[in-house]
Amino acid sequence: MTFETEQDLKREQNAITVFVNTFKGSFKKLDPHDIDYKVFDKDGVLIAYAEIKGRIRTIHNAYPLPVAARKTVKLVDKRLNPVMIWACEDGIIYGKVDKLKGEIKFARDNSFNDDELMIYYDKQKALKYIRFV
């Protein structure tokens, strides 16, 4: 069962498009029960996997960046450059999971309206951003 609305999917597609356009790459949406995307370079070679989380805030006010620990584990299990992307109102924040440092807490995940193990990432050098134009 998926909980993403049409608006969530549009925000997600915009975020991955902005991300891959930075290196003239491409992407492929994966199964709804998998992580979000395969990422390819300009030659069509698989270079990464990406998970996108909506963040209905501006980049400036987005921190700490939340993600369910189970989603991070699923992404890292792919073993090929796991990238986490947060789709904010005015751009994206992204980083390679293996370079990020976060705090793990048992907290409420509003997408499931249930308690879940969550990771929160504060602003750090490993996180980059791209503003929408």
C-alpha atoms as a PDB file:
ATOM      1  CA  MET A   1       0.000   0.000   0.000  1.00  0.00           C
ATOM      2  CA  THR A   2       1.365   3.411  -0.955  1.00  0.00           C
ATOM      3  CA  PHE A   3       0.588   6.606   0.896  1.00  0.00           C
ATOM      4  CA  GLU A   4       1.927   9.061  -1.680  1.00  0.00           C
ATOM      5  CA  THR A   5      -0.541  11.526  -3.156  1.00  0.00           C
ATOM      6  CA  GLU A   6      -0.419  12.801  -6.734  1.00  0.00           C
ATOM      7  CA  GLN A   7       1.150  16.014  -5.385  1.00  0.00           C
ATOM      8  CA  ASP A   8       3.813  13.974  -3.524  1.00  0.00           C
ATOM      9  CA  LEU A   9       4.671  12.080  -6.706  1.00  0.00           C
ATOM     10  CA  LYS A  10       4.916  15.318  -8.699  1.00  0.00           C
ATOM     11  CA  ARG A  11       7.244  16.848  -6.068  1.00  0.00           C
ATOM     12  CA  GLU A  12       9.338  13.656  -6.114  1.00  0.00           C
ATOM     13  CA  GLN A  13       9.623  13.634  -9.922  1.00  0.00           C
ATOM     14  CA  ASN A  14      10.616  17.315  -9.955  1.00  0.00           C
ATOM     15  CA  ALA A  15      13.304  16.670  -7.325  1.00  0.00           C
ATOM     16  CA  ILE A  16      14.880  13.718  -9.162  1.00  0.00           C
ATOM     17  CA  THR A  17      14.780  15.652 -12.446  1.00  0.00           C
ATOM     18  CA  VAL A  18      16.610  18.613 -10.900  1.00  0.00           C
ATOM     19  CA  PHE A  19      19.148  16.242  -9.336  1.00  0.00           C
ATOM     20  CA  VAL A  20      20.022  14.283 -12.516  1.00  0.00           C
ATOM     21  CA  ASN A  21      20.040  17.417 -14.685  1.00  0.00           C
ATOM     22  CA  THR A  22      23.107  18.618 -12.743  1.00  0.00           C
ATOM     23  CA  PHE A  23      25.172  15.923 -14.491  1.00  0.00           C
ATOM     24  CA  LYS A  24      22.980  15.318 -17.562  1.00  0.00           C
ATOM     25  CA  GLY A  25      21.920  11.926 -16.229  1.00  0.00           C
ATOM     26  CA  SER A  26      18.633  10.067 -16.207  1.00  0.00           C
ATOM     27  CA  PHE A  27      16.521   8.034 -13.802  1.00  0.00           C
ATOM     28  CA  LYS A  28      14.089   5.140 -13.598  1.00  0.00           C
ATOM     29  CA  LYS A  29      11.283   4.849 -11.044  1.00  0.00           C
ATOM     30  CA  LEU A  30      11.356   1.593  -9.106  1.00  0.00           C
ATOM     31  CA  ASP A  31       8.520  -0.490  -7.641  1.00  0.00           C
ATOM     32  CA  PRO A  32       6.341   1.317  -5.053  1.00  0.00           C
ATOM     33  CA  HIS A  33       7.546  -1.111  -2.349  1.00  0.00           C
ATOM     34  CA  ASP A  34      11.225  -0.509  -3.182  1.00  0.00           C
ATOM     35  CA  ILE A  35      13.278   2.664  -2.818  1.00  0.00           C
ATOM     36  CA  ASP A  36      12.401   5.438  -5.273  1.00  0.00           C
ATOM     37  CA  TYR A  37      14.873   5.587  -8.195  1.00  0.00           C
ATOM     38  CA  LYS A  38      17.794   4.135 -10.100  1.00  0.00           C
ATOM     39  CA  VAL A  39      20.115   6.933 -11.272  1.00  0.00           C
ATOM     40  CA  PHE A  40      22.118   6.738 -14.514  1.00  0.00           C
ATOM     41  CA  ASP A  41      24.973   8.881 -15.834  1.00  0.00           C
ATOM     42  CA  LYS A  42      24.878  10.635 -19.224  1.00  0.00           C
ATOM     43  CA  ASP A  43      25.945   7.383 -20.921  1.00  0.00           C
ATOM     44  CA  GLY A  44      23.147   5.346 -19.339  1.00  0.00           C
ATOM     45  CA  VAL A  45      25.380   3.575 -16.814  1.00  0.00           C
ATOM     46  CA  LEU A  46      23.778   2.873 -13.426  1.00  0.00           C
ATOM     47  CA  ILE A  47      25.652   5.025 -10.900  1.00  0.00           C
ATOM     48  CA  ALA A  48      23.395   5.333  -7.833  1.00  0.00           C
ATOM     49  CA  TYR A  49      20.107   4.696  -6.108  1.00  0.00           C
ATOM     50  CA  ALA A  50      18.064   7.535  -4.648  1.00  0.00           C
ATOM     51  CA  GLU A  51      15.305   7.928  -2.085  1.00  0.00           C
ATOM     52  CA  ILE A  52      13.332  11.172  -2.078  1.00  0.00           C
ATOM     53  CA  LYS A  53      11.559  12.582   0.949  1.00  0.00           C
ATOM     54  CA  GLY A  54       9.162  15.503   0.759  1.00  0.00           C
ATOM     55  CA  ARG A  55       9.962  18.381   3.081  1.00  0.00           C
ATOM     56  CA  ILE A  56       7.249  21.047   3.012  1.00  0.00           C
ATOM     57  CA  ARG A  57       9.594  23.784   4.144  1.00  0.00           C
ATOM     58  CA  THR A  58      12.178  26.036   2.547  1.00  0.00           C
ATOM     59  CA  ILE A  59      15.781  24.850   2.386  1.00  0.00           C
ATOM     60  CA  HIS A  60      16.678  27.378   5.079  1.00  0.00           C
ATOM     61  CA  ASN A  61      14.049  25.994   7.483  1.00  0.00           C
ATOM     62  CA  ALA A  62      14.263  22.289   6.545  1.00  0.00           C
ATOM     63  CA  TYR A  63      16.661  21.123   9.272  1.00  0.00           C
ATOM     64  CA  PRO A  64      16.800  18.681  10.899  1.00  0.00           C
ATOM     65  CA  LEU A  65      16.058  16.489   7.866  1.00  0.00           C
ATOM     66  CA  PRO A  66      13.980  13.425   8.819  1.00  0.00           C
ATOM     67  CA  VAL A  67      13.877   9.993   7.211  1.00  0.00           C
ATOM     68  CA  ALA A  68      12.622   6.645   8.435  1.00  0.00           C
ATOM     69  CA  ALA A  69      15.572   4.410   9.374  1.00  0.00           C
ATOM     70  CA  ARG A  70      13.975   1.494   7.460  1.00  0.00           C
ATOM     71  CA  LYS A  71      14.082   3.563   4.234  1.00  0.00           C
ATOM     72  CA  THR A  72      17.750   4.391   4.797  1.00  0.00           C
ATOM     73  CA  VAL A  73      18.620   0.737   5.404  1.00  0.00           C
ATOM     74  CA  LYS A  74      16.731  -0.297   2.258  1.00  0.00           C
ATOM     75  CA  LEU A  75      18.630   2.346   0.258  1.00  0.00           C
ATOM     76  CA  VAL A  76      22.036   1.374   1.657  1.00  0.00           C
ATOM     77  CA  ASP A  77      21.314  -2.313   0.973  1.00  0.00           C
ATOM     78  CA  LYS A  78      21.475  -1.480  -2.753  1.00  0.00           C
ATOM     79  CA  ARG A  79      25.248  -1.013  -2.232  1.00  0.00           C
ATOM     80  CA  LEU A  80      25.723   1.516  -5.034  1.00  0.00           C
ATOM     81  CA  ASN A  81      26.103   5.177  -4.072  1.00  0.00           C
ATOM     82  CA  PRO A  82      22.987   5.586  -1.913  1.00  0.00           C
ATOM     83  CA  VAL A  83      21.738   9.180  -2.212  1.00  0.00           C
ATOM     84  CA  MET A  84      19.048  10.722  -0.020  1.00  0.00           C
ATOM     85  CA  ILE A  85      17.198  13.725  -1.485  1.00  0.00           C
ATOM     86  CA  TRP A  86      14.807  16.016   0.366  1.00  0.00           C
ATOM     87  CA  ALA A  87      12.398  17.910  -1.877  1.00  0.00           C
ATOM     88  CA  CYS A  88      11.832  21.311  -0.273  1.00  0.00           C
ATOM     89  CA  GLU A  89       9.548  24.123  -1.446  1.00  0.00           C
ATOM     90  CA  ASP A  90      12.405  26.100  -3.021  1.00  0.00           C
ATOM     91  CA  GLY A  91      14.887  23.390  -4.013  1.00  0.00           C
ATOM     92  CA  ILE A  92      16.464  20.097  -3.034  1.00  0.00           C
ATOM     93  CA  ILE A  93      18.924  19.054  -0.355  1.00  0.00           C
ATOM     94  CA  TYR A  94      20.889  15.895  -1.063  1.00  0.00           C
ATOM     95  CA  GLY A  95      23.779  13.826   0.194  1.00  0.00           C
ATOM     96  CA  LYS A  96      25.396  10.409  -0.022  1.00  0.00           C
ATOM     97  CA  VAL A  97      24.133   8.411   2.941  1.00  0.00           C
ATOM     98  CA  ASP A  98      27.579   6.993   3.762  1.00  0.00           C
ATOM     99  CA  LYS A  99      28.898  10.552   4.287  1.00  0.00           C
ATOM    100  CA  LEU A 100      26.056  11.754   6.551  1.00  0.00           C
ATOM    101  CA  LYS A 101      25.906  11.816  10.331  1.00  0.00           C
ATOM    102  CA  GLY A 102      22.516  11.749  11.978  1.00  0.00           C
ATOM    103  CA  GLU A 103      20.695  11.199  15.226  1.00  0.00           C
ATOM    104  CA  ILE A 104      18.407   8.192  15.569  1.00  0.00           C
ATOM    105  CA  LYS A 105      15.245   8.541  17.634  1.00  0.00           C
ATOM    106  CA  PHE A 106      12.085   6.579  18.089  1.00  0.00           C
ATOM    107  CA  ALA A 107       9.499   9.099  16.914  1.00  0.00           C
ATOM    108  CA  ARG A 108       6.193   9.647  15.179  1.00  0.00           C
ATOM    109  CA  ASP A 109       6.253   9.169  11.388  1.00  0.00           C
ATOM    110  CA  ASN A 110       3.230  11.132  10.216  1.00  0.00           C
ATOM    111  CA  SER A 111       3.105   9.347   6.867  1.00  0.00           C
ATOM    112  CA  PHE A 112       2.096   6.183   8.730  1.00  0.00           C
ATOM    113  CA  ASN A 113       0.685   7.910  11.827  1.00  0.00           C
ATOM    114  CA  ASP A 114       2.697   5.506  13.922  1.00  0.00           C
ATOM    115  CA  ASP A 115       5.864   5.414  15.990  1.00  0.00           C
ATOM    116  CA  GLU A 116       8.937   4.559  13.956  1.00  0.00           C
ATOM    117  CA  LEU A 117      12.710   4.583  14.230  1.00  0.00           C
ATOM    118  CA  MET A 118      13.724   7.840  12.510  1.00  0.00           C
ATOM    119  CA  ILE A 119      17.034   9.454  11.541  1.00  0.00           C
ATOM    120  CA  TYR A 120      17.426  13.233  11.777  1.00  0.00           C
ATOM    121  CA  TYR A 121      20.241  14.973   9.902  1.00  0.00           C
ATOM    122  CA  ASP A 122      21.424  18.420  10.969  1.00  0.00           C
ATOM    123  CA  LYS A 123      23.090  20.793   8.504  1.00  0.00           C
ATOM    124  CA  GLN A 124      26.549  19.464   7.571  1.00  0.00           C
ATOM    125  CA  LYS A 125      29.194  19.703   4.855  1.00  0.00           C
ATOM    126  CA  ALA A 126      28.137  16.398   3.238  1.00  0.00           C
ATOM    127  CA  LEU A 127      24.714  17.893   2.402  1.00  0.00           C
ATOM    128  CA  LYS A 128      24.453  19.921  -0.798  1.00  0.00           C
ATOM    129  CA  TYR A 129      21.546  21.889  -2.181  1.00  0.00           C
ATOM    130  CA  ILE A 130      20.160  23.091  -5.483  1.00  0.00           C
ATOM    131  CA  ARG A 131      17.588  25.866  -5.590  1.00  0.00           C
ATOM    132  CA  PHE A 132      14.744  25.714  -8.077  1.00  0.00           C
ATOM    133  CA  VAL A 133      14.934  28.391 -10.801  1.00  0.00           C
END
